[in-house]
């Protein structure tokens, strides 16, 4: 019995060994293939930025340019903190610093659609000149087409929907939506930085602008009629107002981290911009505004959204106020809170300064 079982055992052992060898070889080849075969690149979300090119706007743009999952498709310039020609020039300089001369820049109209409100002259001059900030001169100009013409044609391309980030007054978007209402409903989402829903406005901040209007925020105050058009157009709005931004102060620790660890050109640019506002930062008056809106577009978890119905006041004593209305017909997702630690992580990671 034993002598007859030995050959059978040997045969079974040989077969079993062959199976194990085959399985190991298959596993090894699979691991090798996984290491050598390039993984598909992650999908990049197309974003158009509409900006008045203030200091915080430029930092927000630099943030999105630094994200590998965001493709900034175009930038449109709106009248606001900067005059439109100067704002366009500075955005082109920032794109030159980033090596992104492939991104077109379009200029909007030089006045609001309604009224004649404007930022204080000294603020506008500082935004126009960017004194003390190192940016290369742009070797190209803004596009010949104006911002509204570009936006309406691009937004009507429903086969390739795009996200919009509005960092200034809503003049350009209102001009598009009023003439072509369908354009308001074709984008993936419209993230707006502006308004003050359950908190006070900021027109009197720093004591430069004398007013009795304590409820409005600057971006929506500049062109309240335009804001009214945008909020009634049916666009998929995500609003990032002062309610959220006041939870995200920029402190000296963040400034010092950027100064000591910034290596890439865009990170060094942000360090310079923050250093230019050192006094406000030290006194606790500097908050992430446009940068928080950009971060909320890239990673909505940095803020807490709530569906609300928002109307824009045209009353003289509260012109531009964002009024929360008791209605179930919501027209915006509104950020009522923000996570400052998550913002810092998202913002600093993009620039590689953690």
Protein backbone atom coordinates (compact mmCIF):
# COMPACT_ATOMS: atom_id res chain seq x y z
CA UNK A 1 0.00 0.00 0.00
CA UNK A 2 2.75 2.45 0.94
CA UNK A 3 4.82 1.71 -2.16
CA UNK A 4 1.83 2.39 -4.44
CA UNK A 5 0.86 5.71 -2.66
CA UNK A 6 4.28 7.36 -3.01
CA UNK A 7 4.17 8.03 -6.79
CA UNK A 8 0.61 9.34 -6.46
CA UNK A 9 1.66 11.70 -3.65
CA UNK A 10 4.63 12.92 -5.62
CA UNK A 11 2.39 13.60 -8.63
CA UNK A 12 -0.10 15.55 -6.54
CA UNK A 13 2.69 17.56 -4.93
CA UNK A 14 4.10 18.43 -8.34
CA UNK A 15 0.69 19.63 -9.56
CA UNK A 16 0.13 21.64 -6.39
CA UNK A 17 3.56 23.26 -6.70
CA UNK A 18 2.82 24.20 -10.30
CA UNK A 19 -0.45 25.84 -9.28
CA UNK A 20 1.28 27.84 -6.56
CA UNK A 21 4.02 28.91 -8.96
CA UNK A 22 1.45 30.00 -11.54
CA UNK A 23 -0.51 31.98 -8.95
CA UNK A 24 2.63 33.67 -7.66
CA UNK A 25 3.76 34.51 -11.21
CA UNK A 26 0.35 36.00 -12.02
CA UNK A 27 0.40 38.05 -8.80
CA UNK A 28 3.93 39.28 -9.52
CA UNK A 29 3.06 40.27 -13.08
CA UNK A 30 -0.09 42.05 -11.86
CA UNK A 31 1.88 44.04 -9.29
CA UNK A 32 4.53 44.89 -11.85
CA UNK A 33 1.88 46.04 -14.32
CA UNK A 34 0.26 48.19 -11.65
CA UNK A 35 3.63 49.82 -10.96
CA UNK A 36 4.56 50.42 -14.59
CA UNK A 37 1.19 51.27 -16.16
CA UNK A 38 0.46 54.99 -15.73
CA UNK A 39 -2.71 55.73 -13.82
CA UNK A 40 -5.28 57.89 -15.59
CA UNK A 41 -5.06 61.53 -14.60
CA UNK A 42 -7.86 62.72 -12.29
CA UNK A 43 -10.64 64.69 -13.95
CA UNK A 44 -10.03 68.43 -13.75
CA UNK A 45 -13.01 70.68 -13.17
CA UNK A 46 -13.31 73.60 -15.58
CA UNK A 47 -13.71 76.94 -13.78
CA UNK A 48 -14.22 80.50 -15.01
CA UNK A 49 -13.27 83.22 -12.52
CA UNK A 50 -15.04 86.59 -12.58
CA UNK A 51 -12.99 89.01 -10.49
CA UNK A 52 -12.45 92.68 -9.64
CA UNK A 53 -8.77 91.86 -9.02
CA UNK A 54 -8.45 93.01 -5.43
CA UNK A 55 -5.63 91.66 -3.29
CA UNK A 56 -7.66 88.76 -1.87
CA UNK A 57 -8.99 87.98 -5.34
CA UNK A 58 -5.46 87.52 -6.64
CA UNK A 59 -4.62 85.16 -3.78
CA UNK A 60 -7.78 83.17 -4.53
CA UNK A 61 -6.79 82.94 -8.19
CA UNK A 62 -3.29 81.82 -7.21
CA UNK A 63 -4.85 79.13 -5.02
CA UNK A 64 -6.94 77.71 -7.86
CA UNK A 65 -4.00 77.86 -10.26
CA UNK A 66 -2.06 75.75 -7.75
CA UNK A 67 -4.70 72.99 -7.59
CA UNK A 68 -4.10 69.97 -9.83
CA UNK A 69 -7.82 69.14 -9.90
CA UNK A 70 -8.92 72.58 -11.16
CA UNK A 71 -8.55 73.87 -14.71
CA UNK A 72 -8.97 77.63 -14.85
CA UNK A 73 -10.45 78.05 -18.29
CA UNK A 74 -10.72 81.84 -18.44
CA UNK A 75 -10.77 84.93 -16.22
CA UNK A 76 -13.17 87.83 -16.70
CA UNK A 77 -12.60 91.24 -15.11
CA UNK A 78 -15.43 93.18 -13.46
CA UNK A 79 -15.47 96.76 -12.22
CA UNK A 80 -14.95 96.92 -8.48
CA UNK A 81 -11.91 97.08 -6.23
CA UNK A 82 -9.66 97.65 -9.25
CA UNK A 83 -10.47 99.65 -12.34
CA UNK A 84 -11.09 97.20 -15.15
CA UNK A 85 -7.98 97.93 -17.31
CA UNK A 86 -5.65 97.82 -14.29
CA UNK A 87 -7.34 94.69 -12.93
CA UNK A 88 -6.89 92.96 -16.27
CA UNK A 89 -3.25 93.96 -16.41
CA UNK A 90 -2.56 92.61 -12.91
CA UNK A 91 -4.31 89.32 -13.60
CA UNK A 92 -2.23 88.93 -16.77
CA UNK A 93 0.91 89.57 -14.70
CA UNK A 94 -0.16 86.92 -12.17
CA UNK A 95 -0.74 84.43 -14.99
CA UNK A 96 2.72 85.25 -16.37
CA UNK A 97 4.21 84.47 -12.95
CA UNK A 98 2.34 81.16 -12.93
CA UNK A 99 3.48 80.32 -16.46
CA UNK A 100 -0.17 80.18 -17.54
CA UNK A 101 -0.27 82.33 -20.64
CA UNK A 102 -2.77 79.87 -22.08
CA UNK A 103 -5.59 81.30 -19.93
CA UNK A 104 -7.45 84.12 -21.71
CA UNK A 105 -8.51 87.28 -19.88
CA UNK A 106 -11.62 89.25 -20.87
CA UNK A 107 -12.49 92.78 -19.74
CA UNK A 108 -15.98 93.81 -18.61
CA UNK A 109 -17.68 97.19 -18.56
CA UNK A 110 -16.10 99.97 -16.51
CA UNK A 111 -19.23 101.00 -14.57
CA UNK A 112 -22.03 99.24 -12.68
CA UNK A 113 -25.21 98.32 -14.53
CA UNK A 114 -27.14 100.38 -12.00
CA UNK A 115 -26.10 103.35 -9.89
CA UNK A 116 -22.66 104.86 -9.39
CA UNK A 117 -21.38 103.23 -6.20
CA UNK A 118 -17.67 102.57 -6.00
CA UNK A 119 -14.96 101.52 -3.57
CA UNK A 120 -12.95 104.28 -1.84
CA UNK A 121 -10.46 105.87 -4.22
CA UNK A 122 -7.40 105.02 -2.08
CA UNK A 123 -8.40 101.33 -2.01
CA UNK A 124 -8.77 101.30 -5.77
CA UNK A 125 -5.41 102.99 -6.29
CA UNK A 126 -3.71 100.38 -4.08
CA UNK A 127 -5.34 97.55 -6.04
CA UNK A 128 -4.44 99.12 -9.36
CA UNK A 129 -0.78 99.71 -8.48
CA UNK A 130 0.07 96.68 -6.27
CA UNK A 131 2.98 98.67 -4.87
CA UNK A 132 5.72 96.49 -3.42
CA UNK A 133 4.45 93.28 -5.03
CA UNK A 134 6.84 91.51 -7.40
CA UNK A 135 5.05 90.44 -10.57
CA UNK A 136 6.52 90.17 -14.06
CA UNK A 137 5.17 92.39 -16.79
CA UNK A 138 2.71 90.60 -19.03
CA UNK A 139 3.80 90.01 -22.61
CA UNK A 140 0.25 89.84 -23.89
CA UNK A 141 -2.97 91.81 -23.66
CA UNK A 142 -6.53 91.00 -22.74
CA UNK A 143 -8.72 89.48 -25.42
CA UNK A 144 -10.54 91.71 -27.89
CA UNK A 145 -13.94 90.22 -27.04
CA UNK A 146 -15.55 91.69 -23.97
CA UNK A 147 -16.38 89.64 -20.90
CA UNK A 148 -20.15 89.48 -21.42
CA UNK A 149 -19.80 88.30 -25.02
CA UNK A 150 -17.41 85.54 -23.99
CA UNK A 151 -19.51 84.46 -21.00
CA UNK A 152 -22.80 84.18 -22.86
CA UNK A 153 -21.34 82.04 -25.63
CA UNK A 154 -19.40 79.86 -23.22
CA UNK A 155 -22.30 79.31 -20.83
CA UNK A 156 -24.62 78.31 -23.67
CA UNK A 157 -22.30 75.41 -24.46
CA UNK A 158 -24.41 73.00 -22.41
CA UNK A 159 -22.39 70.02 -23.62
CA UNK A 160 -19.41 71.27 -21.60
CA UNK A 161 -20.80 72.84 -18.40
CA UNK A 162 -18.44 74.95 -16.35
CA UNK A 163 -18.30 76.21 -12.78
CA UNK A 164 -18.27 79.96 -12.14
CA UNK A 165 -16.53 81.73 -9.28
CA UNK A 166 -17.63 85.36 -8.79
CA UNK A 167 -15.24 87.31 -6.54
CA UNK A 168 -16.47 90.87 -7.13
CA UNK A 169 -19.64 92.77 -8.02
CA UNK A 170 -22.03 90.80 -10.22
CA UNK A 171 -22.13 93.25 -13.15
CA UNK A 172 -20.75 90.91 -15.82
CA UNK A 173 -23.02 88.02 -14.89
CA UNK A 174 -26.11 90.22 -14.65
CA UNK A 175 -25.41 91.63 -18.09
CA UNK A 176 -25.33 88.08 -19.47
CA UNK A 177 -28.34 86.75 -17.55
CA UNK A 178 -30.53 89.77 -18.37
CA UNK A 179 -29.98 89.43 -22.11
CA UNK A 180 -29.81 85.62 -22.25
CA UNK A 181 -31.73 84.12 -19.31
CA UNK A 182 -30.97 80.55 -20.39
CA UNK A 183 -27.28 81.14 -19.73
CA UNK A 184 -27.97 81.32 -15.99
CA UNK A 185 -29.08 77.70 -15.82
CA UNK A 186 -26.44 75.92 -17.88
CA UNK A 187 -23.45 76.14 -15.50
CA UNK A 188 -22.64 73.45 -12.95
CA UNK A 189 -22.66 75.96 -10.11
CA UNK A 190 -22.07 79.62 -9.42
CA UNK A 191 -20.04 80.31 -6.27
CA UNK A 192 -20.36 83.93 -5.16
CA UNK A 193 -18.34 85.74 -2.52
CA UNK A 194 -20.53 88.51 -1.19
CA UNK A 195 -23.34 89.57 1.08
CA UNK A 196 -23.99 89.52 4.81
CA UNK A 197 -27.05 87.48 5.71
CA UNK A 198 -27.21 87.17 9.51
CA UNK A 199 -24.31 89.46 10.38
CA UNK A 200 -23.53 93.15 9.88
CA UNK A 201 -22.14 94.45 6.62
CA UNK A 202 -18.64 95.78 6.05
CA UNK A 203 -19.08 99.17 4.34
CA UNK A 204 -17.80 100.99 7.43
CA UNK A 205 -14.78 98.75 8.04
CA UNK A 206 -11.53 100.65 8.72
CA UNK A 207 -13.50 103.91 8.92
CA UNK A 208 -12.65 104.95 5.35
CA UNK A 209 -16.18 105.02 3.94
CA UNK A 210 -18.75 107.06 5.87
CA UNK A 211 -22.24 105.58 5.66
CA UNK A 212 -25.31 104.73 7.72
CA UNK A 213 -25.74 101.49 5.77
CA UNK A 214 -24.59 98.87 8.27
CA UNK A 215 -26.15 95.83 6.57
CA UNK A 216 -24.60 95.66 3.08
CA UNK A 217 -21.37 94.02 1.94
CA UNK A 218 -19.13 95.75 -0.59
CA UNK A 219 -19.38 93.38 -3.57
CA UNK A 220 -23.18 93.48 -3.68
CA UNK A 221 -23.37 97.16 -2.68
CA UNK A 222 -21.37 98.29 -5.73
CA UNK A 223 -24.03 97.02 -8.17
CA UNK A 224 -27.14 95.95 -6.23
CA UNK A 225 -29.32 95.92 -9.33
CA UNK A 226 -26.97 93.43 -10.93
CA UNK A 227 -27.06 91.28 -7.79
CA UNK A 228 -30.88 91.30 -7.89
CA UNK A 229 -30.81 90.01 -11.49
CA UNK A 230 -28.37 87.22 -10.64
CA UNK A 231 -30.30 86.00 -7.59
CA UNK A 232 -33.57 85.84 -9.53
CA UNK A 233 -32.14 84.22 -12.66
CA UNK A 234 -32.37 80.60 -11.52
CA UNK A 235 -28.62 79.96 -11.41
CA UNK A 236 -27.37 77.18 -9.08
CA UNK A 237 -25.89 79.62 -6.53
CA UNK A 238 -23.59 78.87 -3.63
CA UNK A 239 -23.13 82.05 -1.64
CA UNK A 240 -20.14 82.58 0.66
CA UNK A 241 -21.02 85.72 2.67
CA UNK A 242 -19.44 87.48 5.63
CA UNK A 243 -21.29 85.02 7.87
CA UNK A 244 -18.73 82.38 6.86
CA UNK A 245 -15.66 84.51 6.21
CA UNK A 246 -15.75 86.01 9.71
CA UNK A 247 -15.01 82.54 11.06
CA UNK A 248 -11.71 82.36 9.15
CA UNK A 249 -9.22 84.97 10.35
CA UNK A 250 -5.78 85.10 8.78
CA UNK A 251 -3.27 85.27 11.63
CA UNK A 252 0.44 85.96 11.99
CA UNK A 253 1.23 82.24 12.22
CA UNK A 254 -0.10 81.66 8.70
CA UNK A 255 1.82 84.68 7.41
CA UNK A 256 5.06 83.43 8.97
CA UNK A 257 4.54 79.94 7.54
CA UNK A 258 4.17 81.36 4.05
CA UNK A 259 7.21 83.58 4.49
CA UNK A 260 9.45 80.75 5.74
CA UNK A 261 8.23 77.85 3.60
CA UNK A 262 7.09 79.35 0.31
CA UNK A 263 9.09 77.84 -2.52
CA UNK A 264 6.95 78.00 -5.65
CA UNK A 265 6.42 81.40 -7.33
CA UNK A 266 2.71 81.53 -6.51
CA UNK A 267 3.38 80.70 -2.85
CA UNK A 268 5.95 83.50 -2.66
CA UNK A 269 3.41 85.84 -4.24
CA UNK A 270 0.85 84.99 -1.53
CA UNK A 271 3.51 85.54 1.13
CA UNK A 272 4.13 89.04 -0.28
CA UNK A 273 0.41 89.83 -0.41
CA UNK A 274 -0.05 88.75 3.19
CA UNK A 275 3.00 90.70 4.31
CA UNK A 276 1.54 93.83 2.70
CA UNK A 277 -1.42 93.45 5.08
CA UNK A 278 0.69 92.69 8.16
CA UNK A 279 -0.82 95.47 10.28
CA UNK A 280 -4.41 94.30 9.72
CA UNK A 281 -3.38 90.69 10.32
CA UNK A 282 -1.61 91.56 13.58
CA UNK A 283 -4.66 93.50 14.80
CA UNK A 284 -7.03 90.64 13.94
CA UNK A 285 -8.89 92.48 11.17
CA UNK A 286 -7.90 90.33 8.20
CA UNK A 287 -10.12 87.44 7.11
CA UNK A 288 -10.17 84.93 4.26
CA UNK A 289 -12.85 86.30 1.94
CA UNK A 290 -12.33 85.53 -1.72
CA UNK A 291 -9.85 82.83 -0.74
CA UNK A 292 -12.52 81.09 1.34
CA UNK A 293 -14.94 81.20 -1.60
CA UNK A 294 -12.30 79.66 -3.86
CA UNK A 295 -11.59 76.98 -1.25
CA UNK A 296 -15.33 76.28 -0.95
CA UNK A 297 -15.50 75.74 -4.70
CA UNK A 298 -12.56 73.34 -4.59
CA UNK A 299 -13.63 71.60 -1.36
CA UNK A 300 -17.18 72.43 -0.17
CA UNK A 301 -16.47 70.80 3.20
CA UNK A 302 -14.60 73.94 4.36
CA UNK A 303 -17.98 75.66 4.85
CA UNK A 304 -21.47 74.67 6.03
CA UNK A 305 -24.16 75.38 3.44
CA UNK A 306 -27.85 75.85 4.14
CA UNK A 307 -30.62 76.34 1.55
CA UNK A 308 -32.10 79.84 1.86
CA UNK A 309 -34.13 82.32 -0.12
CA UNK A 310 -32.15 85.52 -0.66
CA UNK A 311 -33.38 88.87 -1.96
CA UNK A 312 -31.32 92.00 -2.64
CA UNK A 313 -32.59 95.22 -1.10
CA UNK A 314 -32.82 98.41 -3.13
CA UNK A 315 -33.88 100.60 -0.18
CA UNK A 316 -31.58 103.63 0.13
CA UNK A 317 -30.67 102.97 3.76
CA UNK A 318 -29.75 99.32 3.15
CA UNK A 319 -28.81 99.30 -0.53
CA UNK A 320 -27.32 95.96 -1.53
CA UNK A 321 -28.32 94.14 1.64
CA UNK A 322 -28.79 90.36 1.30
CA UNK A 323 -32.18 89.75 2.88
CA UNK A 324 -33.12 86.27 4.09
CA UNK A 325 -36.76 85.65 3.16
CA UNK A 326 -39.05 83.11 4.81
CA UNK A 327 -39.87 80.97 1.77
CA UNK A 328 -39.49 77.37 0.68
CA UNK A 329 -38.53 78.46 -2.83
CA UNK A 330 -34.81 78.48 -2.11
CA UNK A 331 -32.57 80.26 -4.59
CA UNK A 332 -29.17 79.74 -2.97
CA UNK A 333 -27.08 77.45 -0.82
CA UNK A 334 -25.63 79.85 1.74
CA UNK A 335 -22.48 79.28 3.78
CA UNK A 336 -23.47 80.24 7.31
CA UNK A 337 -20.34 78.87 8.97
CA UNK A 338 -16.81 77.78 8.08
CA UNK A 339 -14.12 75.49 9.44
CA UNK A 340 -10.94 77.59 9.86
CA UNK A 341 -8.64 74.60 10.42
CA UNK A 342 -9.90 72.81 7.32
CA UNK A 343 -9.52 76.00 5.31
CA UNK A 344 -5.91 76.38 6.42
CA UNK A 345 -5.18 72.78 5.48
CA UNK A 346 -6.78 73.09 2.03
CA UNK A 347 -5.26 76.49 1.30
CA UNK A 348 -1.74 75.78 2.46
CA UNK A 349 -1.59 72.32 0.92
CA UNK A 350 -2.28 73.78 -2.51
CA UNK A 351 0.83 75.95 -2.20
CA UNK A 352 3.01 73.27 -0.60
CA UNK A 353 3.77 75.32 2.51
CA UNK A 354 2.56 72.89 5.20
